[in-house]
C-alpha cells in the first residue's frame, strides 16, 4: 500500500503530441502493454495528443501504427525502447519520415519505407 501511495505522489506526467504535417489523412493507432488508445484519424495539419503517468514500469513503451492511402503502413516507437522518454515529446509526421520535436532534416528519427509519391 505504501509503494502505491508513494508512486502516485511522485509520478511524472508525460505528454505525447503527433502532428500530421504530411499531405495525407492518416489513421493512427497508439498503444502500450497496458493502454490502447484505439484508432485516431488525424487529418492533414491536425494533431493527436495524449498524456500518461510513468509510475507503472509496464507502461514505459508506447508505439503507433500509421495507415494511409496507397498501401502506406508504418510502425514506430513514440516513447521508450528506441524512442526518447522525455516528459514532453512532439512527433511530426512528414512525407519522408517521422521527426522528433522539429521539422529540420537533422531531426528525422524514422524514414518511411512504404510511402508512395503517387497522390
N, C-alpha and C. Protein backbone atom coordinates (compact mmCIF):
# COMPACT_ATOMS: atom_id res chain seq x y z
N UNK A 1 0.81 -1.19 0.00
CA UNK A 1 0.00 0.00 0.00
C UNK A 1 0.86 1.26 0.00
N UNK A 2 1.93 1.25 0.81
CA UNK A 2 2.80 2.42 0.88
C UNK A 2 3.41 2.74 -0.48
N UNK A 3 3.87 1.71 -1.20
CA UNK A 3 4.51 1.96 -2.50
C UNK A 3 3.53 2.55 -3.51
N UNK A 4 2.26 2.14 -3.45
CA UNK A 4 1.27 2.69 -4.35
C UNK A 4 1.03 4.18 -4.06
N UNK A 5 0.91 4.53 -2.78
CA UNK A 5 0.72 5.94 -2.41
C UNK A 5 1.95 6.75 -2.77
N UNK A 6 3.13 6.23 -2.51
CA UNK A 6 4.37 6.92 -2.84
C UNK A 6 4.48 7.14 -4.34
N UNK A 7 4.17 6.13 -5.13
CA UNK A 7 4.29 6.26 -6.58
C UNK A 7 3.30 7.27 -7.14
N UNK A 8 2.12 7.36 -6.55
CA UNK A 8 1.15 8.35 -7.03
C UNK A 8 1.61 9.77 -6.73
N UNK A 9 2.26 9.97 -5.61
CA UNK A 9 2.77 11.30 -5.27
C UNK A 9 3.92 11.72 -6.17
N UNK A 10 4.71 10.79 -6.57
CA UNK A 10 5.94 11.11 -7.31
C UNK A 10 5.86 10.71 -8.78
N UNK A 11 4.68 10.61 -9.29
CA UNK A 11 4.55 10.24 -10.70
C UNK A 11 4.80 11.46 -11.58
N UNK A 12 5.24 11.18 -12.78
CA UNK A 12 5.53 12.24 -13.75
C UNK A 12 4.50 12.14 -14.87
N UNK A 13 3.93 13.26 -15.24
CA UNK A 13 3.00 13.29 -16.37
C UNK A 13 3.80 13.43 -17.65
N UNK A 14 3.53 12.57 -18.60
CA UNK A 14 4.17 12.63 -19.91
C UNK A 14 3.13 13.05 -20.94
N UNK A 15 3.56 13.90 -21.85
CA UNK A 15 2.67 14.36 -22.91
C UNK A 15 3.30 14.01 -24.26
N UNK A 16 2.51 13.35 -25.10
CA UNK A 16 2.94 12.99 -26.45
C UNK A 16 2.00 13.69 -27.43
N UNK A 17 2.57 14.38 -28.41
CA UNK A 17 1.79 15.00 -29.48
C UNK A 17 2.29 14.48 -30.81
N UNK A 18 1.37 14.14 -31.68
CA UNK A 18 1.70 13.70 -33.03
C UNK A 18 1.00 14.65 -33.98
N UNK A 19 1.79 15.39 -34.76
CA UNK A 19 1.26 16.40 -35.67
C UNK A 19 1.43 15.91 -37.10
N UNK A 20 0.35 15.90 -37.83
CA UNK A 20 0.36 15.43 -39.21
C UNK A 20 0.71 16.60 -40.13
N UNK A 21 1.97 16.67 -40.56
CA UNK A 21 2.39 17.71 -41.50
C UNK A 21 2.61 17.12 -42.89
N UNK A 22 2.01 15.97 -43.12
CA UNK A 22 2.10 15.35 -44.45
C UNK A 22 0.98 15.92 -45.31
N UNK A 23 0.90 15.44 -46.50
CA UNK A 23 -0.16 15.89 -47.39
C UNK A 23 -1.29 14.87 -47.48
N UNK A 24 -1.44 14.05 -46.42
CA UNK A 24 -2.45 12.99 -46.42
C UNK A 24 -3.16 12.89 -45.08
N UNK A 25 -4.35 12.35 -45.13
CA UNK A 25 -5.06 11.98 -43.91
C UNK A 25 -4.55 10.62 -43.47
N UNK A 26 -4.36 10.44 -42.16
CA UNK A 26 -3.81 9.19 -41.65
C UNK A 26 -4.67 8.63 -40.53
N UNK A 27 -4.65 7.31 -40.42
CA UNK A 27 -5.23 6.63 -39.27
C UNK A 27 -4.07 6.18 -38.40
N UNK A 28 -4.09 6.55 -37.13
CA UNK A 28 -3.01 6.21 -36.21
C UNK A 28 -3.59 5.42 -35.05
N UNK A 29 -2.91 4.33 -34.70
CA UNK A 29 -3.32 3.50 -33.56
C UNK A 29 -2.11 3.40 -32.64
N UNK A 30 -2.19 4.03 -31.46
CA UNK A 30 -1.09 4.03 -30.49
C UNK A 30 -1.48 3.18 -29.29
N UNK A 31 -0.46 2.53 -28.69
CA UNK A 31 -0.73 1.67 -27.55
C UNK A 31 0.53 1.37 -26.77
N UNK A 32 0.32 0.86 -25.56
CA UNK A 32 1.39 0.30 -24.74
C UNK A 32 0.91 -1.08 -24.31
N UNK A 33 1.65 -1.74 -23.46
CA UNK A 33 1.23 -3.04 -22.96
C UNK A 33 -0.09 -2.91 -22.19
N UNK A 34 -0.26 -1.81 -21.47
CA UNK A 34 -1.44 -1.62 -20.62
C UNK A 34 -2.51 -0.70 -21.20
N UNK A 35 -2.17 0.12 -22.16
CA UNK A 35 -3.08 1.16 -22.65
C UNK A 35 -3.25 1.05 -24.15
N UNK A 36 -4.51 1.03 -24.60
CA UNK A 36 -4.82 1.02 -26.02
C UNK A 36 -5.59 2.30 -26.33
N UNK A 37 -5.02 3.17 -27.14
CA UNK A 37 -5.64 4.46 -27.45
C UNK A 37 -6.58 4.39 -28.66
N UNK A 38 -6.72 3.22 -29.23
CA UNK A 38 -7.64 2.95 -30.34
C UNK A 38 -7.28 3.79 -31.58
N UNK A 39 -8.04 3.58 -32.63
CA UNK A 39 -7.79 4.28 -33.89
C UNK A 39 -8.12 5.77 -33.75
N UNK A 40 -7.21 6.59 -34.23
CA UNK A 40 -7.39 8.04 -34.27
C UNK A 40 -7.20 8.48 -35.71
N UNK A 41 -8.11 9.28 -36.22
CA UNK A 41 -7.98 9.79 -37.58
C UNK A 41 -7.40 11.20 -37.48
N UNK A 42 -6.22 11.36 -38.02
CA UNK A 42 -5.50 12.63 -37.94
C UNK A 42 -5.41 13.18 -39.36
N UNK A 43 -6.16 14.24 -39.59
CA UNK A 43 -6.20 14.82 -40.92
C UNK A 43 -5.00 15.74 -41.13
N UNK A 44 -4.78 16.10 -42.37
CA UNK A 44 -3.65 16.97 -42.71
C UNK A 44 -3.67 18.24 -41.86
N UNK A 45 -2.53 18.59 -41.28
CA UNK A 45 -2.33 19.77 -40.42
C UNK A 45 -3.04 19.69 -39.07
N UNK A 46 -3.51 18.51 -38.69
CA UNK A 46 -4.12 18.34 -37.37
C UNK A 46 -3.19 17.52 -36.49
N UNK A 47 -3.55 17.38 -35.20
CA UNK A 47 -2.70 16.65 -34.28
C UNK A 47 -3.52 15.75 -33.37
N UNK A 48 -2.85 14.76 -32.83
CA UNK A 48 -3.40 13.85 -31.82
C UNK A 48 -2.46 13.92 -30.62
N UNK A 49 -3.02 14.12 -29.43
CA UNK A 49 -2.20 14.24 -28.22
C UNK A 49 -2.80 13.40 -27.11
N UNK A 50 -1.92 12.90 -26.23
CA UNK A 50 -2.39 12.19 -25.05
C UNK A 50 -1.36 12.32 -23.93
N UNK A 51 -1.83 12.11 -22.71
CA UNK A 51 -0.98 12.15 -21.51
C UNK A 51 -1.05 10.81 -20.81
N UNK A 52 0.02 10.48 -20.09
CA UNK A 52 0.02 9.29 -19.24
C UNK A 52 1.04 9.49 -18.14
N UNK A 53 0.90 8.70 -17.08
CA UNK A 53 1.81 8.76 -15.94
C UNK A 53 2.82 7.62 -16.04
N UNK A 54 4.04 7.89 -15.61
CA UNK A 54 5.09 6.88 -15.78
C UNK A 54 5.43 6.10 -14.50
N UNK A 55 4.51 6.05 -13.54
CA UNK A 55 4.82 5.31 -12.32
C UNK A 55 4.68 3.80 -12.49
N UNK A 56 4.07 3.35 -13.57
CA UNK A 56 3.91 1.92 -13.79
C UNK A 56 5.01 1.43 -14.74
N UNK A 57 5.90 0.55 -14.30
CA UNK A 57 7.02 0.13 -15.14
C UNK A 57 6.60 -0.60 -16.42
N UNK A 58 5.39 -1.16 -16.45
CA UNK A 58 4.93 -1.84 -17.67
C UNK A 58 4.37 -0.87 -18.70
N UNK A 59 4.30 0.40 -18.36
CA UNK A 59 3.71 1.40 -19.25
C UNK A 59 4.77 2.37 -19.77
N UNK A 60 6.01 1.93 -19.92
CA UNK A 60 7.11 2.80 -20.34
C UNK A 60 7.45 2.68 -21.81
N UNK A 61 6.63 2.03 -22.58
CA UNK A 61 6.89 1.89 -24.01
C UNK A 61 5.57 2.05 -24.76
N UNK A 62 5.48 3.11 -25.56
CA UNK A 62 4.33 3.32 -26.44
C UNK A 62 4.81 3.24 -27.88
N UNK A 63 4.00 2.65 -28.71
CA UNK A 63 4.29 2.60 -30.14
C UNK A 63 3.00 2.87 -30.90
N UNK A 64 3.16 3.22 -32.18
CA UNK A 64 2.00 3.54 -33.01
C UNK A 64 2.11 2.82 -34.34
N UNK A 65 0.96 2.54 -34.91
CA UNK A 65 0.84 2.09 -36.29
C UNK A 65 0.17 3.22 -37.05
N UNK A 66 0.69 3.55 -38.21
CA UNK A 66 0.09 4.60 -39.04
C UNK A 66 -0.32 3.99 -40.37
N UNK A 67 -1.52 4.33 -40.82
CA UNK A 67 -2.07 3.81 -42.06
C UNK A 67 -2.49 4.98 -42.93
N UNK A 68 -2.31 4.82 -44.25
CA UNK A 68 -2.73 5.86 -45.17
C UNK A 68 -3.07 5.28 -46.53
N UNK A 69 -3.28 6.15 -47.48
CA UNK A 69 -3.60 5.74 -48.85
C UNK A 69 -2.39 5.11 -49.53
N UNK A 70 -2.64 4.48 -50.65
CA UNK A 70 -1.58 3.86 -51.46
C UNK A 70 -0.79 2.81 -50.68
N UNK A 71 -1.48 2.04 -49.83
CA UNK A 71 -0.87 0.96 -49.04
C UNK A 71 0.20 1.43 -48.07
N UNK A 72 0.11 2.66 -47.61
CA UNK A 72 1.07 3.16 -46.62
C UNK A 72 0.79 2.52 -45.27
N UNK A 73 1.83 1.96 -44.65
CA UNK A 73 1.73 1.40 -43.31
C UNK A 73 3.10 1.46 -42.66
N UNK A 74 3.18 2.00 -41.46
CA UNK A 74 4.44 2.05 -40.71
C UNK A 74 4.14 1.81 -39.23
N UNK A 75 5.09 1.21 -38.53
CA UNK A 75 5.04 1.04 -37.08
C UNK A 75 6.27 1.73 -36.50
N UNK A 76 6.08 2.48 -35.41
CA UNK A 76 7.21 3.22 -34.84
C UNK A 76 6.99 3.42 -33.35
N UNK A 77 8.09 3.50 -32.61
CA UNK A 77 8.07 3.79 -31.18
C UNK A 77 7.93 5.29 -30.99
N UNK A 78 7.09 5.71 -30.02
CA UNK A 78 6.96 7.13 -29.73
C UNK A 78 7.40 7.48 -28.32
N UNK A 79 7.57 6.45 -27.46
CA UNK A 79 8.04 6.69 -26.09
C UNK A 79 8.70 5.41 -25.60
N UNK A 80 9.94 5.54 -25.15
CA UNK A 80 10.66 4.38 -24.63
C UNK A 80 11.17 3.47 -25.73
N UNK A 81 11.87 2.43 -25.36
CA UNK A 81 12.52 1.47 -26.26
C UNK A 81 13.45 2.23 -27.20
N UNK A 82 13.13 2.38 -28.49
CA UNK A 82 14.02 3.10 -29.40
C UNK A 82 13.73 4.60 -29.47
N UNK A 83 12.68 5.05 -28.80
CA UNK A 83 12.32 6.48 -28.77
C UNK A 83 12.73 7.08 -27.42
N UNK A 84 12.89 8.39 -27.37
CA UNK A 84 13.23 9.01 -26.08
C UNK A 84 12.06 8.88 -25.09
N UNK A 85 12.35 9.10 -23.82
CA UNK A 85 11.29 9.06 -22.81
C UNK A 85 11.22 10.38 -22.04
N UNK A 86 11.27 11.47 -22.77
CA UNK A 86 11.13 12.81 -22.17
C UNK A 86 9.68 13.02 -21.74
N UNK A 87 9.46 14.00 -20.87
CA UNK A 87 8.09 14.23 -20.39
C UNK A 87 7.22 14.96 -21.42
N UNK A 88 7.81 15.65 -22.38
CA UNK A 88 7.06 16.29 -23.46
C UNK A 88 7.74 15.96 -24.78
N UNK A 89 7.02 15.27 -25.63
CA UNK A 89 7.57 14.86 -26.93
C UNK A 89 6.57 15.26 -28.01
N UNK A 90 7.10 15.86 -29.07
CA UNK A 90 6.28 16.20 -30.24
C UNK A 90 6.86 15.46 -31.43
N UNK A 91 6.00 14.68 -32.09
CA UNK A 91 6.39 13.98 -33.30
C UNK A 91 5.71 14.66 -34.49
N UNK A 92 6.46 14.86 -35.57
CA UNK A 92 5.93 15.41 -36.80
C UNK A 92 5.93 14.32 -37.86
N UNK A 93 4.74 13.99 -38.36
CA UNK A 93 4.61 13.03 -39.46
C UNK A 93 4.74 13.80 -40.76
N UNK A 94 5.77 13.49 -41.53
CA UNK A 94 6.00 14.16 -42.80
C UNK A 94 6.05 13.11 -43.90
N UNK A 95 5.99 13.50 -45.16
CA UNK A 95 6.01 12.51 -46.24
C UNK A 95 7.28 11.66 -46.27
N UNK A 96 8.41 12.19 -45.77
CA UNK A 96 9.65 11.41 -45.84
C UNK A 96 9.99 10.69 -44.55
N UNK A 97 9.23 10.92 -43.47
CA UNK A 97 9.53 10.22 -42.23
C UNK A 97 8.94 10.88 -41.01
N UNK A 98 9.34 10.37 -39.85
CA UNK A 98 8.87 10.85 -38.57
C UNK A 98 9.97 11.68 -37.92
N UNK A 99 9.65 12.90 -37.52
CA UNK A 99 10.62 13.83 -36.96
C UNK A 99 10.34 14.06 -35.48
N UNK A 100 11.39 14.21 -34.70
CA UNK A 100 11.28 14.42 -33.26
C UNK A 100 11.48 15.88 -32.91
N UNK A 101 10.45 16.52 -32.35
CA UNK A 101 10.49 17.88 -31.81
C UNK A 101 10.89 18.96 -32.81
N UNK A 102 10.97 18.66 -34.08
CA UNK A 102 11.38 19.64 -35.07
C UNK A 102 11.08 19.09 -36.45
N UNK A 103 11.00 20.00 -37.42
CA UNK A 103 10.86 19.55 -38.80
C UNK A 103 12.16 19.74 -39.58
N UNK A 104 13.26 20.06 -38.88
CA UNK A 104 14.56 20.17 -39.54
C UNK A 104 15.01 18.79 -40.01
N UNK A 105 15.72 18.71 -41.14
CA UNK A 105 16.17 17.42 -41.65
C UNK A 105 17.02 16.62 -40.67
N UNK A 106 17.74 17.29 -39.77
CA UNK A 106 18.58 16.58 -38.80
C UNK A 106 17.75 15.87 -37.74
N UNK A 107 16.49 16.23 -37.60
CA UNK A 107 15.64 15.67 -36.54
C UNK A 107 14.92 14.40 -36.96
N UNK A 108 15.16 13.91 -38.17
CA UNK A 108 14.45 12.71 -38.62
C UNK A 108 14.85 11.52 -37.75
N UNK A 109 13.86 10.75 -37.32
CA UNK A 109 14.09 9.58 -36.49
C UNK A 109 13.82 8.29 -37.24
N UNK A 110 12.73 8.26 -38.01
CA UNK A 110 12.34 7.07 -38.75
C UNK A 110 12.00 7.46 -40.18
N UNK A 111 12.79 7.09 -41.17
CA UNK A 111 12.38 7.33 -42.55
C UNK A 111 11.31 6.32 -42.96
N UNK A 112 10.37 6.75 -43.77
CA UNK A 112 9.32 5.83 -44.23
C UNK A 112 9.85 4.97 -45.35
N UNK A 113 9.44 3.72 -45.34
CA UNK A 113 9.81 2.80 -46.41
C UNK A 113 8.66 2.57 -47.36
N UNK A 114 7.43 2.72 -46.90
CA UNK A 114 6.29 2.36 -47.75
C UNK A 114 5.51 3.56 -48.28
N UNK A 115 6.03 4.78 -48.07
CA UNK A 115 5.32 5.98 -48.52
C UNK A 115 5.41 6.08 -50.03
N UNK A 116 4.28 6.17 -50.68
CA UNK A 116 4.25 6.28 -52.13
C UNK A 116 4.20 7.75 -52.52
N UNK A 117 4.89 8.11 -53.57
CA UNK A 117 4.87 9.50 -54.02
C UNK A 117 3.66 9.79 -54.90
N UNK A 118 2.88 8.76 -55.22
CA UNK A 118 1.68 8.96 -56.03
C UNK A 118 0.59 9.54 -55.15
N UNK A 119 -0.03 10.61 -55.60
CA UNK A 119 -1.11 11.24 -54.81
C UNK A 119 -2.44 10.87 -55.40
